[in-house]
N, C-alpha and C. Protein backbone atom coordinates (compact mmCIF):
# COMPACT_ATOMS: atom_id res chain seq x y z
N UNK A 1 -2.74 101.64 -28.39
CA UNK A 1 -2.66 101.04 -27.02
C UNK A 1 -3.23 102.15 -25.96
N UNK A 2 -4.18 101.53 -25.13
CA UNK A 2 -4.81 102.28 -24.18
C UNK A 2 -3.84 102.57 -22.85
N UNK A 3 -3.91 103.78 -22.35
CA UNK A 3 -3.18 104.08 -21.27
C UNK A 3 -4.08 104.25 -19.99
N UNK A 4 -3.77 103.55 -18.94
CA UNK A 4 -4.54 103.46 -17.76
C UNK A 4 -4.33 104.78 -17.03
N UNK A 5 -5.35 105.35 -16.34
CA UNK A 5 -5.08 106.63 -15.58
C UNK A 5 -4.41 106.09 -14.26
N UNK A 6 -3.67 107.11 -13.68
CA UNK A 6 -3.03 106.90 -12.55
C UNK A 6 -3.93 107.20 -11.30
N UNK A 7 -4.93 108.15 -11.60
CA UNK A 7 -5.93 108.56 -10.67
C UNK A 7 -7.26 108.76 -11.36
N UNK A 8 -8.31 108.26 -10.66
CA UNK A 8 -9.56 108.42 -11.38
C UNK A 8 -10.19 109.84 -11.24
N UNK A 9 -10.66 110.30 -12.33
CA UNK A 9 -11.23 111.54 -12.54
C UNK A 9 -12.47 111.66 -11.58
N UNK A 10 -13.39 110.74 -11.68
CA UNK A 10 -14.56 110.74 -10.82
C UNK A 10 -14.49 109.58 -9.78
N UNK A 11 -13.70 109.76 -8.86
CA UNK A 11 -13.44 108.78 -7.84
C UNK A 11 -14.61 108.25 -6.98
N UNK A 12 -14.87 107.00 -7.14
CA UNK A 12 -15.99 106.54 -6.43
C UNK A 12 -15.45 105.35 -5.30
N UNK A 13 -14.11 105.34 -5.16
CA UNK A 13 -13.66 104.30 -4.15
C UNK A 13 -13.76 104.82 -2.89
N UNK A 14 -14.37 104.21 -2.05
CA UNK A 14 -14.51 104.39 -0.58
C UNK A 14 -13.44 103.84 0.29
N UNK A 15 -13.15 102.57 -0.13
CA UNK A 15 -12.00 101.84 0.53
C UNK A 15 -11.42 100.97 -0.33
N UNK A 16 -10.07 100.85 -0.40
CA UNK A 16 -9.33 99.94 -1.12
C UNK A 16 -8.33 99.24 -0.05
N UNK A 17 -8.32 97.89 -0.22
CA UNK A 17 -7.61 97.00 0.72
C UNK A 17 -6.64 96.08 -0.06
N UNK A 18 -5.47 95.95 0.23
CA UNK A 18 -4.64 94.92 -0.01
C UNK A 18 -4.13 94.13 1.01
N UNK A 19 -4.52 92.77 1.26
CA UNK A 19 -4.17 91.95 2.21
C UNK A 19 -3.15 90.95 1.80
N UNK A 20 -2.12 90.62 2.59
CA UNK A 20 -1.00 89.82 2.37
C UNK A 20 -1.05 88.85 3.61
N UNK A 21 -1.14 87.49 3.41
CA UNK A 21 -1.09 86.53 4.52
C UNK A 21 0.41 85.89 4.35
N UNK A 22 1.07 85.55 5.34
CA UNK A 22 2.40 85.08 5.20
C UNK A 22 2.61 84.12 6.45
N UNK A 23 3.74 83.25 6.23
CA UNK A 23 4.39 82.51 7.36
C UNK A 23 5.70 83.25 7.60
N UNK A 24 5.74 83.54 8.93
CA UNK A 24 7.21 84.12 9.43
C UNK A 24 7.99 83.18 10.12
N UNK A 25 9.41 83.39 9.82
CA UNK A 25 10.27 82.54 10.56
C UNK A 25 10.72 83.14 11.75
N UNK A 26 9.85 83.94 12.42
CA UNK A 26 10.23 84.56 13.72
C UNK A 26 9.07 84.35 14.69
N UNK A 27 9.17 84.47 15.99
CA UNK A 27 7.93 84.38 16.88
C UNK A 27 7.06 85.35 16.44
N UNK A 28 5.74 85.03 16.89
CA UNK A 28 4.67 86.08 16.55
C UNK A 28 4.74 87.41 16.95
N UNK A 29 5.14 87.58 18.27
CA UNK A 29 5.48 88.93 18.86
C UNK A 29 6.65 89.76 18.11
N UNK A 30 7.59 88.91 17.53
CA UNK A 30 8.68 89.58 16.73
C UNK A 30 8.19 90.29 15.64
N UNK A 31 7.22 89.89 14.93
CA UNK A 31 6.74 90.59 13.66
C UNK A 31 6.54 92.05 13.84
N UNK A 32 5.68 92.18 14.91
CA UNK A 32 5.47 93.74 15.39
C UNK A 32 6.68 94.42 15.65
N UNK A 33 7.72 93.96 16.47
CA UNK A 33 8.90 94.60 16.70
C UNK A 33 9.77 94.87 15.55
N UNK A 34 9.59 93.93 14.55
CA UNK A 34 10.64 94.12 13.30
C UNK A 34 10.16 95.33 12.46
N UNK A 35 8.84 95.55 12.45
CA UNK A 35 8.22 96.65 11.48
C UNK A 35 7.79 97.85 12.32
N UNK A 36 7.67 97.87 13.65
CA UNK A 36 7.19 98.95 14.38
C UNK A 36 8.08 100.12 14.11
N UNK A 37 9.33 100.22 14.16
CA UNK A 37 10.01 101.53 13.94
C UNK A 37 9.68 102.21 12.62
N UNK A 38 9.41 101.51 11.58
CA UNK A 38 9.17 102.09 10.24
C UNK A 38 7.74 102.53 10.24
N UNK A 39 6.90 101.58 10.59
CA UNK A 39 5.57 101.84 10.68
C UNK A 39 5.11 103.20 11.49
N UNK A 40 5.61 103.17 12.76
CA UNK A 40 5.26 104.29 13.54
C UNK A 40 5.77 105.53 13.11
N UNK A 41 6.90 105.52 12.34
CA UNK A 41 7.54 106.72 11.76
C UNK A 41 6.50 107.37 10.70
N UNK A 42 5.83 106.56 9.87
CA UNK A 42 5.00 106.82 8.91
C UNK A 42 3.63 107.01 9.18
N UNK A 43 3.14 106.22 10.16
CA UNK A 43 1.84 106.05 10.49
C UNK A 43 1.75 106.20 12.14
N UNK A 44 1.77 107.41 12.57
CA UNK A 44 1.96 107.72 14.10
C UNK A 44 0.87 107.32 14.80
N UNK A 45 -0.36 107.09 14.33
CA UNK A 45 -1.45 106.78 15.36
C UNK A 45 -1.48 105.23 15.32
N UNK A 46 -1.06 104.60 16.56
CA UNK A 46 -0.85 103.18 16.70
C UNK A 46 -2.01 102.78 17.64
N UNK A 47 -2.79 101.55 17.37
CA UNK A 47 -3.77 101.02 18.30
C UNK A 47 -3.44 99.56 18.38
N UNK A 48 -3.58 99.17 19.66
CA UNK A 48 -3.51 97.69 20.00
C UNK A 48 -5.01 97.30 19.82
N UNK A 49 -5.46 96.35 19.05
CA UNK A 49 -6.73 95.82 18.81
C UNK A 49 -7.22 94.89 20.07
N UNK A 50 -8.54 94.84 20.13
CA UNK A 50 -8.97 94.00 21.40
C UNK A 50 -8.57 92.47 21.17
N UNK A 51 -8.38 92.09 20.15
CA UNK A 51 -7.95 90.58 20.02
C UNK A 51 -6.79 90.19 20.85
N UNK A 52 -5.96 91.21 21.26
CA UNK A 52 -4.73 91.02 22.17
C UNK A 52 -5.15 90.71 23.49
N UNK A 53 -6.36 90.98 23.76
CA UNK A 53 -7.04 90.54 25.32
C UNK A 53 -7.33 89.11 25.31
N UNK A 54 -7.46 88.52 24.17
CA UNK A 54 -7.72 87.07 24.27
C UNK A 54 -6.49 86.40 24.61
N UNK A 55 -6.54 85.21 25.44
CA UNK A 55 -5.40 84.62 25.90
C UNK A 55 -4.45 84.26 24.77
N UNK A 56 -3.43 84.28 24.98
CA UNK A 56 -2.26 84.03 23.91
C UNK A 56 -2.42 82.62 23.28
N UNK A 57 -2.73 81.66 24.17
CA UNK A 57 -2.77 80.18 23.65
C UNK A 57 -4.13 80.12 22.74
N UNK A 58 -4.95 80.65 23.06
CA UNK A 58 -6.21 80.69 22.21
C UNK A 58 -5.96 81.43 20.97
N UNK A 59 -5.39 82.61 20.88
CA UNK A 59 -5.00 83.36 19.64
C UNK A 59 -4.13 82.55 18.69
N UNK A 60 -3.34 81.79 19.31
CA UNK A 60 -2.29 81.03 18.51
C UNK A 60 -2.74 79.68 18.04
N UNK A 61 -3.69 79.11 18.59
CA UNK A 61 -4.28 77.80 18.12
C UNK A 61 -5.66 77.94 17.53
N UNK A 62 -6.52 78.84 17.76
CA UNK A 62 -7.76 78.95 17.03
C UNK A 62 -7.80 79.27 15.54
N UNK A 63 -7.96 78.45 14.70
CA UNK A 63 -7.71 78.71 13.36
C UNK A 63 -8.55 80.06 12.74
N UNK A 64 -9.66 80.32 13.41
CA UNK A 64 -10.41 81.52 12.97
C UNK A 64 -9.70 82.76 13.22
N UNK A 65 -8.64 82.74 14.22
CA UNK A 65 -7.93 83.95 14.53
C UNK A 65 -6.65 84.03 13.84
N UNK A 66 -6.26 83.09 13.15
CA UNK A 66 -4.91 82.82 12.63
C UNK A 66 -4.48 84.12 11.84
N UNK A 67 -5.41 84.80 11.06
CA UNK A 67 -4.87 85.88 10.10
C UNK A 67 -5.43 87.24 10.62
N UNK A 68 -5.89 87.28 11.85
CA UNK A 68 -6.56 88.68 12.27
C UNK A 68 -5.37 89.60 12.86
N UNK A 69 -5.78 90.91 12.44
CA UNK A 69 -4.75 91.82 13.00
C UNK A 69 -4.59 92.14 14.51
N UNK A 70 -3.47 92.34 14.97
CA UNK A 70 -3.46 92.65 16.44
C UNK A 70 -3.15 94.10 16.64
N UNK A 71 -2.69 94.76 15.60
CA UNK A 71 -2.31 96.21 15.73
C UNK A 71 -2.92 96.95 14.49
N UNK A 72 -3.04 98.25 14.65
CA UNK A 72 -3.45 99.22 13.54
C UNK A 72 -2.46 100.35 13.61
N UNK A 73 -2.02 100.79 12.48
CA UNK A 73 -1.20 101.88 12.38
C UNK A 73 -2.00 102.84 11.38
N UNK A 74 -2.08 104.24 11.71
CA UNK A 74 -2.90 105.02 10.80
C UNK A 74 -2.34 106.38 10.64
N UNK A 75 -2.59 106.93 9.51
CA UNK A 75 -2.30 108.25 9.14
C UNK A 75 -3.29 108.68 8.05
N UNK A 76 -4.36 109.10 8.21
CA UNK A 76 -5.56 109.34 7.21
C UNK A 76 -5.03 109.85 5.92
N UNK A 77 -5.41 109.23 4.72
CA UNK A 77 -6.39 108.15 4.63
C UNK A 77 -5.87 106.69 4.56
N UNK A 78 -4.61 106.61 5.11
CA UNK A 78 -3.98 105.25 5.15
C UNK A 78 -4.06 104.57 6.54
N UNK A 79 -4.23 103.20 6.41
CA UNK A 79 -4.21 102.41 7.60
C UNK A 79 -3.53 101.17 7.30
N UNK A 80 -2.85 100.55 8.41
CA UNK A 80 -2.09 99.23 8.09
C UNK A 80 -2.60 98.33 9.31
N UNK A 81 -3.16 97.28 9.11
CA UNK A 81 -3.61 96.29 9.98
C UNK A 81 -2.58 95.25 10.03
N UNK A 82 -1.89 95.01 11.04
CA UNK A 82 -0.77 94.09 11.31
C UNK A 82 -1.11 92.97 12.26
N UNK A 83 -0.94 91.87 11.83
CA UNK A 83 -0.94 90.64 12.77
C UNK A 83 0.29 89.88 12.64
N UNK A 84 0.59 88.81 13.26
CA UNK A 84 1.69 87.84 13.23
C UNK A 84 1.77 87.10 11.83
N UNK A 85 0.75 87.10 11.12
CA UNK A 85 0.60 86.37 9.97
C UNK A 85 0.05 86.95 8.82
N UNK A 86 -0.37 88.28 8.98
CA UNK A 86 -1.02 89.05 7.99
C UNK A 86 -0.78 90.54 8.12
N UNK A 87 -0.62 91.23 6.94
CA UNK A 87 -0.66 92.73 6.87
C UNK A 87 -1.84 93.06 5.80
N UNK A 88 -2.48 94.28 6.29
CA UNK A 88 -3.52 94.75 5.27
C UNK A 88 -3.15 96.08 5.08
N UNK A 89 -3.09 96.49 3.76
CA UNK A 89 -3.01 97.98 3.55
C UNK A 89 -4.33 98.56 3.12
N UNK A 90 -4.80 99.56 3.85
CA UNK A 90 -6.23 100.21 3.54
C UNK A 90 -6.02 101.63 3.31
N UNK A 91 -6.61 101.97 2.21
CA UNK A 91 -6.79 103.44 1.75
C UNK A 91 -8.17 103.71 1.68
N UNK A 92 -8.54 104.59 2.64
CA UNK A 92 -9.89 105.06 2.62
C UNK A 92 -10.14 106.40 1.96
N UNK A 93 -11.37 106.75 1.74
CA UNK A 93 -11.68 108.00 0.98
C UNK A 93 -10.91 109.12 1.62
N UNK A 94 -10.19 109.92 0.88
CA UNK A 94 -9.90 109.95 -0.52
C UNK A 94 -8.92 109.05 -0.98
N UNK A 95 -9.24 108.39 -1.92
CA UNK A 95 -8.29 107.41 -2.54
C UNK A 95 -7.13 108.08 -3.21
N UNK A 96 -5.94 107.70 -2.80
CA UNK A 96 -4.74 108.46 -3.33
C UNK A 96 -4.43 108.21 -4.80
N UNK A 97 -4.92 107.12 -5.42
CA UNK A 97 -4.47 106.67 -6.75
C UNK A 97 -3.41 105.51 -6.47
N UNK A 98 -3.23 104.69 -7.40
CA UNK A 98 -2.34 103.59 -7.24
C UNK A 98 -1.08 103.94 -7.21
N UNK A 99 -0.45 104.95 -7.93
CA UNK A 99 1.03 105.33 -7.81
C UNK A 99 1.20 105.65 -6.42
N UNK A 100 0.54 106.63 -5.72
CA UNK A 100 0.87 106.91 -4.44
C UNK A 100 0.65 105.90 -3.35
N UNK A 101 -0.62 105.28 -3.49
CA UNK A 101 -0.73 104.23 -2.54
C UNK A 101 0.31 103.03 -2.65
N UNK A 102 0.67 102.72 -3.85
CA UNK A 102 1.57 101.59 -3.98
C UNK A 102 2.89 101.90 -3.40
N UNK A 103 3.35 103.12 -3.47
CA UNK A 103 4.55 103.56 -2.99
C UNK A 103 4.58 103.37 -1.56
N UNK A 104 3.49 103.63 -0.81
CA UNK A 104 3.41 103.30 0.81
C UNK A 104 3.60 101.75 0.83
N UNK A 105 2.71 101.10 0.06
CA UNK A 105 2.78 99.54 0.13
C UNK A 105 4.17 98.95 -0.08
N UNK A 106 4.82 99.38 -1.16
CA UNK A 106 6.24 98.88 -1.45
C UNK A 106 7.27 99.27 -0.46
N UNK A 107 7.17 100.36 0.28
CA UNK A 107 8.03 100.80 1.24
C UNK A 107 7.97 99.79 2.45
N UNK A 108 6.72 99.58 2.87
CA UNK A 108 6.43 98.58 3.85
C UNK A 108 6.91 97.15 3.65
N UNK A 109 6.63 96.82 2.37
CA UNK A 109 6.87 95.41 1.97
C UNK A 109 8.54 95.26 1.81
N UNK A 110 9.06 96.37 1.59
CA UNK A 110 10.67 96.29 1.53
C UNK A 110 11.19 95.90 2.88
N UNK A 111 10.52 96.44 3.90
CA UNK A 111 10.91 96.18 5.28
C UNK A 111 10.48 94.64 5.60
N UNK A 112 9.29 94.39 5.11
CA UNK A 112 8.86 92.99 5.66
C UNK A 112 9.81 91.82 5.00
N UNK A 113 10.17 92.13 3.79
CA UNK A 113 10.96 91.02 3.08
C UNK A 113 12.14 90.60 3.73
N UNK A 114 12.68 91.67 4.54
CA UNK A 114 13.96 91.47 5.27
C UNK A 114 13.69 90.74 6.57
N UNK A 115 12.64 90.31 6.97
CA UNK A 115 12.40 89.74 8.23
C UNK A 115 12.11 88.11 8.04
N UNK A 116 12.36 87.63 6.99
CA UNK A 116 12.16 86.13 6.86
C UNK A 116 10.68 85.70 6.71
N UNK A 117 9.66 86.77 6.13
CA UNK A 117 8.47 86.21 5.91
C UNK A 117 8.27 85.76 4.42
N UNK A 118 7.15 84.82 4.18
CA UNK A 118 6.98 84.39 2.97
C UNK A 118 5.58 84.51 2.66
N UNK A 119 5.13 85.36 1.71
CA UNK A 119 3.55 85.63 1.48
C UNK A 119 3.01 84.30 1.04
N UNK A 120 1.90 84.03 1.47
CA UNK A 120 1.03 82.67 0.99
C UNK A 120 -0.20 83.20 0.44
N UNK A 121 -0.69 84.36 0.58
CA UNK A 121 -1.88 84.75 0.01
C UNK A 121 -1.84 86.34 -0.23
N UNK A 122 -2.25 86.76 -1.43
CA UNK A 122 -2.50 88.17 -1.69
C UNK A 122 -3.98 88.34 -1.98
N UNK A 123 -4.67 89.31 -1.52
CA UNK A 123 -6.04 89.63 -1.94
C UNK A 123 -6.16 91.09 -2.04
N UNK A 124 -6.98 91.56 -3.11
CA UNK A 124 -7.50 92.98 -3.06
C UNK A 124 -8.87 93.13 -3.30
N UNK A 125 -9.23 94.23 -2.64
CA UNK A 125 -10.77 94.46 -2.73
C UNK A 125 -10.93 95.97 -2.69
N UNK A 126 -11.72 96.51 -3.60
CA UNK A 126 -12.08 97.89 -3.57
C UNK A 126 -13.53 97.95 -3.38
N UNK A 127 -14.03 98.88 -2.56
CA UNK A 127 -15.29 99.24 -2.21
C UNK A 127 -15.55 100.73 -2.82
N UNK A 128 -16.79 100.62 -3.77
CA UNK A 128 -17.09 102.01 -4.26
C UNK A 128 -18.62 102.38 -3.78
N UNK A 129 -18.77 103.46 -4.18
CA UNK A 129 -20.32 104.05 -3.89
C UNK A 129 -21.09 103.95 -5.19
N UNK A 130 -20.78 103.33 -6.09
CA UNK A 130 -21.36 103.21 -7.37
C UNK A 130 -22.56 101.96 -7.26
N UNK A 131 -23.65 102.46 -7.77
CA UNK A 131 -24.70 101.40 -7.66
C UNK A 131 -24.79 100.87 -9.09
N UNK A 132 -24.69 99.70 -9.29
CA UNK A 132 -24.76 99.06 -10.67
C UNK A 132 -26.12 98.56 -10.95
């Protein structure tokens, strides 16, 4: 049986993203408040994204803005983009390896599961500098 490595020896991953889209049973603004204490403790650099300058009624009704992030939490090489209906976990170079990165993801997801959210979409994308 083949054993998969937990970290790549010749790491070519520039960025790895895991995005989860969900439906929350709380108001849009409450999603941020529910996870802020945990995220800010582990990812101290918080940024409010320009989308929050768009009038609230447009943000809530325009389908093209439905899953956009409103806030970013960062502690290099990790970043979390958070919106009222999505959360994206981003690991930029250097890639931590799945064991370490998934620990961060699972910690935050443990917090999210307690706030009444229900995932409706999972997507992962890895970007490497290998030319094929």
